[in-house]
Amino acid sequence: MANTTTLAMLRKEIRALADSRQAKILQRFFKTGKGEYGEGDVFLGLMVPQSRTLAQKYKTLSFTDIEKLLRSAIHEERFIALLILVHRFQSGIDDQQARIFRYYLRSTGMINNWDLVDLTAPAIVGRYLFDTSRAVLQKLARSKNVWERRIAIVATYYFIRNDQFVDTLRISRVLLHDGHDLIHKAVGWMLREVGKKNKPTLVRFLKAHHTTMPRTMLRYAIEKFPERERRGYLAA
């Protein structure tokens, strides 16, 4: 089957699943209005399980077609392209993984909403950097692009799952006073995951920073603490 035909078939299936009512809900949920973080993003109304199913079905799509899909104005097409990249990364040999990693970081302009970051950054960026230098995360954490900053912290989820917390804490300090609510939530989420693995490590971090960190970040970080302990941090 020709690559162009395969891409056309995938797009036909995507549009067959389009749901205009759901699309309106998603466009509100992902803040696509003027001046919002997802301004101008276009949704067709697919649900995540549907996108995952299509990514699995078309995981052998050519790299050229994946690139075309990722450049789409349609949110779900970009999402499916990224999910296919995750499949390819997980099954790829070292040189393929390096290519996907480099392409991912070159394409952050299209990885431009929190769901696109959260479901792919740990599996690609975190996994690739696990066995090599992680200096690029510091560069991303200092980017003017909010999505690159979110990639920097969320990618460390892969390290957390493997009981490594240093990079999460280091990047959390860089982002501690970030001005964007999406970063507050992401940092708080990663700190919470650290705490689920090793509560004393999180407590030491909070002891140093809980009085100055954004409240949203703090609330996310202590979400799993007993209520009395949560109240103590929030009252400080």
C-alpha atoms as a PDB file:
ATOM      1  CA  MET A   1       0.000   0.000   0.000  1.00  0.00           C
ATOM      2  CA  ALA A   2       1.409   3.387  -0.919  1.00  0.00           C
ATOM      3  CA  ASN A   3       2.289   5.723   1.928  1.00  0.00           C
ATOM      4  CA  THR A   4       0.019   8.486   0.611  1.00  0.00           C
ATOM      5  CA  THR A   5      -2.880   6.037   0.535  1.00  0.00           C
ATOM      6  CA  THR A   6      -2.146   4.941   4.105  1.00  0.00           C
ATOM      7  CA  LEU A   7      -2.096   8.512   5.365  1.00  0.00           C
ATOM      8  CA  ALA A   8      -5.292   9.261   3.477  1.00  0.00           C
ATOM      9  CA  MET A   9      -6.949   6.212   5.018  1.00  0.00           C
ATOM     10  CA  LEU A  10      -5.880   7.257   8.507  1.00  0.00           C
ATOM     11  CA  ARG A  11      -7.272  10.736   7.988  1.00  0.00           C
ATOM     12  CA  LYS A  12     -10.503   9.258   6.643  1.00  0.00           C
ATOM     13  CA  GLU A  13     -10.855   7.152   9.798  1.00  0.00           C
ATOM     14  CA  ILE A  14     -10.137  10.166  12.000  1.00  0.00           C
ATOM     15  CA  ARG A  15     -12.857  12.164  10.329  1.00  0.00           C
ATOM     16  CA  ALA A  16     -15.291   9.270  10.514  1.00  0.00           C
ATOM     17  CA  LEU A  17     -14.945   9.428  14.300  1.00  0.00           C
ATOM     18  CA  ALA A  18     -15.426  13.195  14.467  1.00  0.00           C
ATOM     19  CA  ASP A  19     -18.046  14.367  16.945  1.00  0.00           C
ATOM     20  CA  SER A  20     -18.949  18.055  16.716  1.00  0.00           C
ATOM     21  CA  ARG A  21     -20.530  18.189  20.176  1.00  0.00           C
ATOM     22  CA  GLN A  22     -17.489  16.598  21.783  1.00  0.00           C
ATOM     23  CA  ALA A  23     -15.220  18.885  19.761  1.00  0.00           C
ATOM     24  CA  LYS A  24     -16.877  21.957  21.308  1.00  0.00           C
ATOM     25  CA  ILE A  25     -16.379  20.511  24.786  1.00  0.00           C
ATOM     26  CA  LEU A  26     -12.709  19.776  24.087  1.00  0.00           C
ATOM     27  CA  GLN A  27     -12.083  23.220  22.641  1.00  0.00           C
ATOM     28  CA  ARG A  28     -13.370  24.758  25.876  1.00  0.00           C
ATOM     29  CA  PHE A  29     -11.488  22.264  28.059  1.00  0.00           C
ATOM     30  CA  PHE A  30      -8.178  22.841  26.268  1.00  0.00           C
ATOM     31  CA  LYS A  31      -8.581  26.622  26.314  1.00  0.00           C
ATOM     32  CA  THR A  32      -8.592  27.369  22.582  1.00  0.00           C
ATOM     33  CA  GLY A  33     -10.187  30.812  22.850  1.00  0.00           C
ATOM     34  CA  LYS A  34      -8.483  34.086  22.022  1.00  0.00           C
ATOM     35  CA  GLY A  35      -5.669  34.812  24.464  1.00  0.00           C
ATOM     36  CA  GLU A  36      -5.825  31.347  26.040  1.00  0.00           C
ATOM     37  CA  TYR A  37      -2.932  28.889  26.038  1.00  0.00           C
ATOM     38  CA  GLY A  38      -4.481  26.722  23.306  1.00  0.00           C
ATOM     39  CA  GLU A  39      -5.629  29.610  21.144  1.00  0.00           C
ATOM     40  CA  GLY A  40      -6.637  28.529  17.657  1.00  0.00           C
ATOM     41  CA  ASP A  41      -6.278  24.777  18.202  1.00  0.00           C
ATOM     42  CA  VAL A  42      -8.863  22.775  16.241  1.00  0.00           C
ATOM     43  CA  PHE A  43     -10.514  19.642  17.603  1.00  0.00           C
ATOM     44  CA  LEU A  44     -12.599  17.043  15.789  1.00  0.00           C
ATOM     45  CA  GLY A  45     -13.933  15.446  18.970  1.00  0.00           C
ATOM     46  CA  LEU A  46     -12.101  12.116  19.173  1.00  0.00           C
ATOM     47  CA  MET A  47     -11.558  10.572  22.591  1.00  0.00           C
ATOM     48  CA  VAL A  48      -8.127   9.421  23.761  1.00  0.00           C
ATOM     49  CA  PRO A  49      -8.909   5.664  23.464  1.00  0.00           C
ATOM     50  CA  GLN A  50      -9.988   6.206  19.855  1.00  0.00           C
ATOM     51  CA  SER A  51      -6.761   8.043  19.078  1.00  0.00           C
ATOM     52  CA  ARG A  52      -4.728   5.310  20.759  1.00  0.00           C
ATOM     53  CA  THR A  53      -6.467   2.647  18.675  1.00  0.00           C
ATOM     54  CA  LEU A  54      -5.686   4.489  15.443  1.00  0.00           C
ATOM     55  CA  ALA A  55      -2.066   5.065  16.484  1.00  0.00           C
ATOM     56  CA  GLN A  56      -1.673   1.344  17.104  1.00  0.00           C
ATOM     57  CA  LYS A  57      -3.311   0.467  13.784  1.00  0.00           C
ATOM     58  CA  TYR A  58      -1.124   2.884  11.794  1.00  0.00           C
ATOM     59  CA  LYS A  59       2.102   2.565  13.792  1.00  0.00           C
ATOM     60  CA  THR A  60       4.019   1.560  10.628  1.00  0.00           C
ATOM     61  CA  LEU A  61       3.199   4.872   8.949  1.00  0.00           C
ATOM     62  CA  SER A  62       6.264   6.258   7.189  1.00  0.00           C
ATOM     63  CA  PHE A  63       8.299   8.884   8.992  1.00  0.00           C
ATOM     64  CA  THR A  64       7.502  11.339   6.198  1.00  0.00           C
ATOM     65  CA  ASP A  65       3.783  10.863   6.797  1.00  0.00           C
ATOM     66  CA  ILE A  66       4.217  11.134  10.556  1.00  0.00           C
ATOM     67  CA  GLU A  67       5.844  14.517   9.947  1.00  0.00           C
ATOM     68  CA  LYS A  68       2.901  15.582   7.773  1.00  0.00           C
ATOM     69  CA  LEU A  69       0.480  14.480  10.466  1.00  0.00           C
ATOM     70  CA  LEU A  70       2.359  16.351  13.188  1.00  0.00           C
ATOM     71  CA  ARG A  71       2.226  19.561  11.153  1.00  0.00           C
ATOM     72  CA  SER A  72      -1.570  19.345  10.986  1.00  0.00           C
ATOM     73  CA  ALA A  73      -3.796  22.081  12.385  1.00  0.00           C
ATOM     74  CA  ILE A  74      -6.015  19.308  13.812  1.00  0.00           C
ATOM     75  CA  HIS A  75      -5.219  18.489  17.438  1.00  0.00           C
ATOM     76  CA  GLU A  76      -6.108  14.810  17.175  1.00  0.00           C
ATOM     77  CA  GLU A  77      -3.884  14.356  14.122  1.00  0.00           C
ATOM     78  CA  ARG A  78      -0.918  15.775  16.022  1.00  0.00           C
ATOM     79  CA  PHE A  79      -1.790  13.598  18.995  1.00  0.00           C
ATOM     80  CA  ILE A  80      -1.936  10.439  16.879  1.00  0.00           C
ATOM     81  CA  ALA A  81       1.372  11.358  15.204  1.00  0.00           C
ATOM     82  CA  LEU A  82       3.007  11.635  18.614  1.00  0.00           C
ATOM     83  CA  LEU A  83       1.502   8.357  19.806  1.00  0.00           C
ATOM     84  CA  ILE A  84       2.884   6.660  16.696  1.00  0.00           C
ATOM     85  CA  LEU A  85       6.297   8.126  17.519  1.00  0.00           C
ATOM     86  CA  VAL A  86       6.028   6.598  20.988  1.00  0.00           C
ATOM     87  CA  HIS A  87       5.280   3.191  19.424  1.00  0.00           C
ATOM     88  CA  ARG A  88       8.208   3.565  17.047  1.00  0.00           C
ATOM     89  CA  PHE A  89      10.537   4.693  19.815  1.00  0.00           C
ATOM     90  CA  GLN A  90       9.632   1.766  22.040  1.00  0.00           C
ATOM     91  CA  SER A  91      10.288  -0.751  19.275  1.00  0.00           C
ATOM     92  CA  GLY A  92      13.215   1.057  17.640  1.00  0.00           C
ATOM     93  CA  ILE A  93      16.883   0.308  17.804  1.00  0.00           C
ATOM     94  CA  ASP A  94      19.269   2.935  19.173  1.00  0.00           C
ATOM     95  CA  ASP A  95      19.732   5.018  16.021  1.00  0.00           C
ATOM     96  CA  GLN A  96      15.962   5.144  15.427  1.00  0.00           C
ATOM     97  CA  GLN A  97      15.391   6.233  19.005  1.00  0.00           C
ATOM     98  CA  ALA A  98      17.955   9.014  18.627  1.00  0.00           C
ATOM     99  CA  ARG A  99      16.266  10.195  15.442  1.00  0.00           C
ATOM    100  CA  ILE A 100      12.861  10.276  17.107  1.00  0.00           C
ATOM    101  CA  PHE A 101      14.242  12.090  20.165  1.00  0.00           C
ATOM    102  CA  ARG A 102      15.918  14.758  18.047  1.00  0.00           C
ATOM    103  CA  TYR A 103      12.825  15.160  15.877  1.00  0.00           C
ATOM    104  CA  TYR A 104      10.621  15.473  18.960  1.00  0.00           C
ATOM    105  CA  LEU A 105      12.700  18.338  20.330  1.00  0.00           C
ATOM    106  CA  ARG A 106      12.744  20.054  16.936  1.00  0.00           C
ATOM    107  CA  SER A 107       8.950  19.815  16.807  1.00  0.00           C
ATOM    108  CA  THR A 108       7.960  21.397  20.112  1.00  0.00           C
ATOM    109  CA  GLY A 109       6.091  24.107  18.230  1.00  0.00           C
ATOM    110  CA  MET A 110       3.541  21.439  17.308  1.00  0.00           C
ATOM    111  CA  ILE A 111       3.584  19.720  20.728  1.00  0.00           C
ATOM    112  CA  ASN A 112       1.537  22.605  21.962  1.00  0.00           C
ATOM    113  CA  ASN A 113      -0.951  21.479  24.559  1.00  0.00           C
ATOM    114  CA  TRP A 114      -0.581  19.724  27.866  1.00  0.00           C
ATOM    115  CA  ASP A 115      -2.060  16.390  26.775  1.00  0.00           C
ATOM    116  CA  LEU A 116       0.394  16.160  23.876  1.00  0.00           C
ATOM    117  CA  VAL A 117       3.261  16.734  26.291  1.00  0.00           C
ATOM    118  CA  ASP A 118       2.079  14.593  29.168  1.00  0.00           C
ATOM    119  CA  LEU A 119       1.379  11.414  27.206  1.00  0.00           C
ATOM    120  CA  THR A 120       4.619  11.472  25.215  1.00  0.00           C
ATOM    121  CA  ALA A 121       7.448  13.365  26.954  1.00  0.00           C
ATOM    122  CA  PRO A 122       8.224  10.661  29.559  1.00  0.00           C
ATOM    123  CA  ALA A 123       8.115   7.884  26.940  1.00  0.00           C
ATOM    124  CA  ILE A 124      10.411   9.653  24.470  1.00  0.00           C
ATOM    125  CA  VAL A 125      12.441  12.389  26.168  1.00  0.00           C
ATOM    126  CA  GLY A 126      12.626  10.788  29.601  1.00  0.00           C
ATOM    127  CA  ARG A 127      13.414   7.326  28.286  1.00  0.00           C
ATOM    128  CA  TYR A 128      16.070   8.547  25.859  1.00  0.00           C
ATOM    129  CA  LEU A 129      17.839  10.673  28.455  1.00  0.00           C
ATOM    130  CA  PHE A 130      17.734   7.974  31.122  1.00  0.00           C
ATOM    131  CA  ASP A 131      21.030   6.488  29.923  1.00  0.00           C
ATOM    132  CA  THR A 132      22.780   9.680  28.819  1.00  0.00           C
ATOM    133  CA  SER A 133      23.390  13.315  29.775  1.00  0.00           C
ATOM    134  CA  ARG A 134      20.260  15.115  30.904  1.00  0.00           C
ATOM    135  CA  ALA A 135      21.636  18.638  30.444  1.00  0.00           C
ATOM    136  CA  VAL A 136      19.080  19.391  27.721  1.00  0.00           C
ATOM    137  CA  LEU A 137      16.362  19.370  30.376  1.00  0.00           C
ATOM    138  CA  GLN A 138      17.914  22.420  32.016  1.00  0.00           C
ATOM    139  CA  LYS A 139      17.839  24.242  28.687  1.00  0.00           C
ATOM    140  CA  LEU A 140      14.209  23.289  28.135  1.00  0.00           C
ATOM    141  CA  ALA A 141      13.303  24.349  31.685  1.00  0.00           C
ATOM    142  CA  ARG A 142      14.587  27.847  30.933  1.00  0.00           C
ATOM    143  CA  SER A 143      12.837  28.151  27.584  1.00  0.00           C
ATOM    144  CA  LYS A 144      10.414  30.970  26.835  1.00  0.00           C
ATOM    145  CA  ASN A 145       8.101  28.296  25.373  1.00  0.00           C
ATOM    146  CA  VAL A 146       5.715  27.036  28.062  1.00  0.00           C
ATOM    147  CA  TRP A 147       5.427  23.644  26.366  1.00  0.00           C
ATOM    148  CA  GLU A 148       9.205  23.145  26.394  1.00  0.00           C
ATOM    149  CA  ARG A 149       9.233  23.987  30.088  1.00  0.00           C
ATOM    150  CA  ARG A 150       6.449  21.470  30.671  1.00  0.00           C
ATOM    151  CA  ILE A 151       8.355  18.858  28.647  1.00  0.00           C
ATOM    152  CA  ALA A 152      11.380  19.438  30.884  1.00  0.00           C
ATOM    153  CA  ILE A 153       9.557  18.606  34.106  1.00  0.00           C
ATOM    154  CA  VAL A 154       7.122  15.960  32.831  1.00  0.00           C
ATOM    155  CA  ALA A 155       9.913  14.034  31.065  1.00  0.00           C
ATOM    156  CA  THR A 156      11.345  13.314  34.520  1.00  0.00           C
ATOM    157  CA  TYR A 157       8.314  11.142  35.250  1.00  0.00           C
ATOM    158  CA  TYR A 158      10.282   8.344  33.592  1.00  0.00           C
ATOM    159  CA  PHE A 159      13.110   8.858  36.093  1.00  0.00           C
ATOM    160  CA  ILE A 160      10.682   8.923  39.024  1.00  0.00           C
ATOM    161  CA  ARG A 161       9.221   5.598  37.945  1.00  0.00           C
ATOM    162  CA  ASN A 162      12.755   4.243  38.137  1.00  0.00           C
ATOM    163  CA  ASP A 163      13.360   5.697  41.615  1.00  0.00           C
ATOM    164  CA  GLN A 164      15.524   8.608  40.474  1.00  0.00           C
ATOM    165  CA  PHE A 165      14.456  11.988  41.854  1.00  0.00           C
ATOM    166  CA  VAL A 166      17.426  14.342  41.524  1.00  0.00           C
ATOM    167  CA  ASP A 167      16.476  15.753  38.120  1.00  0.00           C
ATOM    168  CA  THR A 168      12.854  16.272  39.097  1.00  0.00           C
ATOM    169  CA  LEU A 169      13.893  18.264  42.150  1.00  0.00           C
ATOM    170  CA  ARG A 170      16.515  20.228  40.231  1.00  0.00           C
ATOM    171  CA  ILE A 171      14.084  21.242  37.499  1.00  0.00           C
ATOM    172  CA  SER A 172      11.372  21.958  40.064  1.00  0.00           C
ATOM    173  CA  ARG A 173      13.711  24.526  41.617  1.00  0.00           C
ATOM    174  CA  VAL A 174      14.259  26.147  38.215  1.00  0.00           C
ATOM    175  CA  LEU A 175      10.490  26.345  37.673  1.00  0.00           C
ATOM    176  CA  LEU A 176       9.575  27.173  41.256  1.00  0.00           C
ATOM    177  CA  HIS A 177       8.524  30.724  40.447  1.00  0.00           C
ATOM    178  CA  ASP A 178       7.350  30.202  36.878  1.00  0.00           C
ATOM    179  CA  GLY A 179       4.485  32.487  35.955  1.00  0.00           C
ATOM    180  CA  HIS A 180       2.294  29.929  34.167  1.00  0.00           C
ATOM    181  CA  ASP A 181      -0.399  27.900  35.918  1.00  0.00           C
ATOM    182  CA  LEU A 182       0.265  24.919  33.634  1.00  0.00           C
ATOM    183  CA  ILE A 183       3.814  24.770  34.975  1.00  0.00           C
ATOM    184  CA  HIS A 184       2.621  25.066  38.571  1.00  0.00           C
ATOM    185  CA  LYS A 185       0.366  22.062  37.992  1.00  0.00           C
ATOM    186  CA  ALA A 186       3.038  20.020  36.205  1.00  0.00           C
ATOM    187  CA  VAL A 187       5.706  20.639  38.855  1.00  0.00           C
ATOM    188  CA  GLY A 188       3.255  19.895  41.651  1.00  0.00           C
ATOM    189  CA  TRP A 189       2.218  16.694  39.895  1.00  0.00           C
ATOM    190  CA  MET A 190       5.818  15.496  39.526  1.00  0.00           C
ATOM    191  CA  LEU A 191       6.586  16.371  43.149  1.00  0.00           C
ATOM    192  CA  ARG A 192       3.523  14.389  44.212  1.00  0.00           C
ATOM    193  CA  GLU A 193       4.837  11.408  42.229  1.00  0.00           C
ATOM    194  CA  VAL A 194       8.190  11.730  43.978  1.00  0.00           C
ATOM    195  CA  GLY A 195       6.350  11.693  47.290  1.00  0.00           C
ATOM    196  CA  LYS A 196       4.454   8.549  46.362  1.00  0.00           C
ATOM    197  CA  LYS A 197       7.783   6.833  45.784  1.00  0.00           C
ATOM    198  CA  ASN A 198       9.754   8.443  48.615  1.00  0.00           C
ATOM    199  CA  LYS A 199       7.871  10.761  50.946  1.00  0.00           C
ATOM    200  CA  PRO A 200      10.929  11.906  52.969  1.00  0.00           C
ATOM    201  CA  THR A 201      12.498  13.262  49.759  1.00  0.00           C
ATOM    202  CA  LEU A 202       9.397  15.319  49.037  1.00  0.00           C
ATOM    203  CA  VAL A 203       9.153  16.500  52.636  1.00  0.00           C
ATOM    204  CA  ARG A 204      12.744  17.785  52.531  1.00  0.00           C
ATOM    205  CA  PHE A 205      11.948  19.710  49.348  1.00  0.00           C
ATOM    206  CA  LEU A 206       8.788  21.165  50.861  1.00  0.00           C
ATOM    207  CA  LYS A 207      10.594  22.173  54.032  1.00  0.00           C
ATOM    208  CA  ALA A 208      12.845  24.390  51.926  1.00  0.00           C
ATOM    209  CA  HIS A 209      10.256  25.747  49.507  1.00  0.00           C
ATOM    210  CA  HIS A 210       6.642  25.337  50.594  1.00  0.00           C
ATOM    211  CA  THR A 211       6.259  28.897  51.907  1.00  0.00           C
ATOM    212  CA  THR A 212       7.302  30.490  48.598  1.00  0.00           C
ATOM    213  CA  MET A 213       6.064  28.076  45.938  1.00  0.00           C
ATOM    214  CA  PRO A 214       2.797  28.851  44.101  1.00  0.00           C
ATOM    215  CA  ARG A 215      -0.259  27.574  45.953  1.00  0.00           C
ATOM    216  CA  THR A 216      -1.435  25.466  43.030  1.00  0.00           C
ATOM    217  CA  MET A 217       1.962  23.756  42.894  1.00  0.00           C
ATOM    218  CA  LEU A 218       1.872  23.126  46.631  1.00  0.00           C
ATOM    219  CA  ARG A 219      -1.681  21.777  46.559  1.00  0.00           C
ATOM    220  CA  TYR A 220      -0.790  19.318  43.813  1.00  0.00           C
ATOM    221  CA  ALA A 221       2.402  18.238  45.612  1.00  0.00           C
ATOM    222  CA  ILE A 222       0.678  17.452  48.920  1.00  0.00           C
ATOM    223  CA  GLU A 223      -2.519  16.013  47.482  1.00  0.00           C
ATOM    224  CA  LYS A 224      -1.830  12.522  48.862  1.00  0.00           C
ATOM    225  CA  PHE A 225      -0.827  13.701  52.347  1.00  0.00           C
ATOM    226  CA  PRO A 226      -3.197  13.163  55.293  1.00  0.00           C
ATOM    227  CA  GLU A 227      -5.636  16.044  55.686  1.00  0.00           C
ATOM    228  CA  ARG A 228      -4.091  17.370  58.899  1.00  0.00           C
ATOM    229  CA  GLU A 229      -0.657  17.431  57.282  1.00  0.00           C
ATOM    230  CA  ARG A 230      -2.016  19.199  54.195  1.00  0.00           C
ATOM    231  CA  ARG A 231      -3.647  21.872  56.354  1.00  0.00           C
ATOM    232  CA  GLY A 232      -0.359  22.444  58.121  1.00  0.00           C
ATOM    233  CA  TYR A 233       1.481  23.158  54.887  1.00  0.00           C
ATOM    234  CA  LEU A 234      -1.292  25.366  53.534  1.00  0.00           C
ATOM    235  CA  ALA A 235      -1.507  27.377  56.751  1.00  0.00           C
ATOM    236  CA  ALA A 236       2.223  28.186  56.806  1.00  0.00           C
END
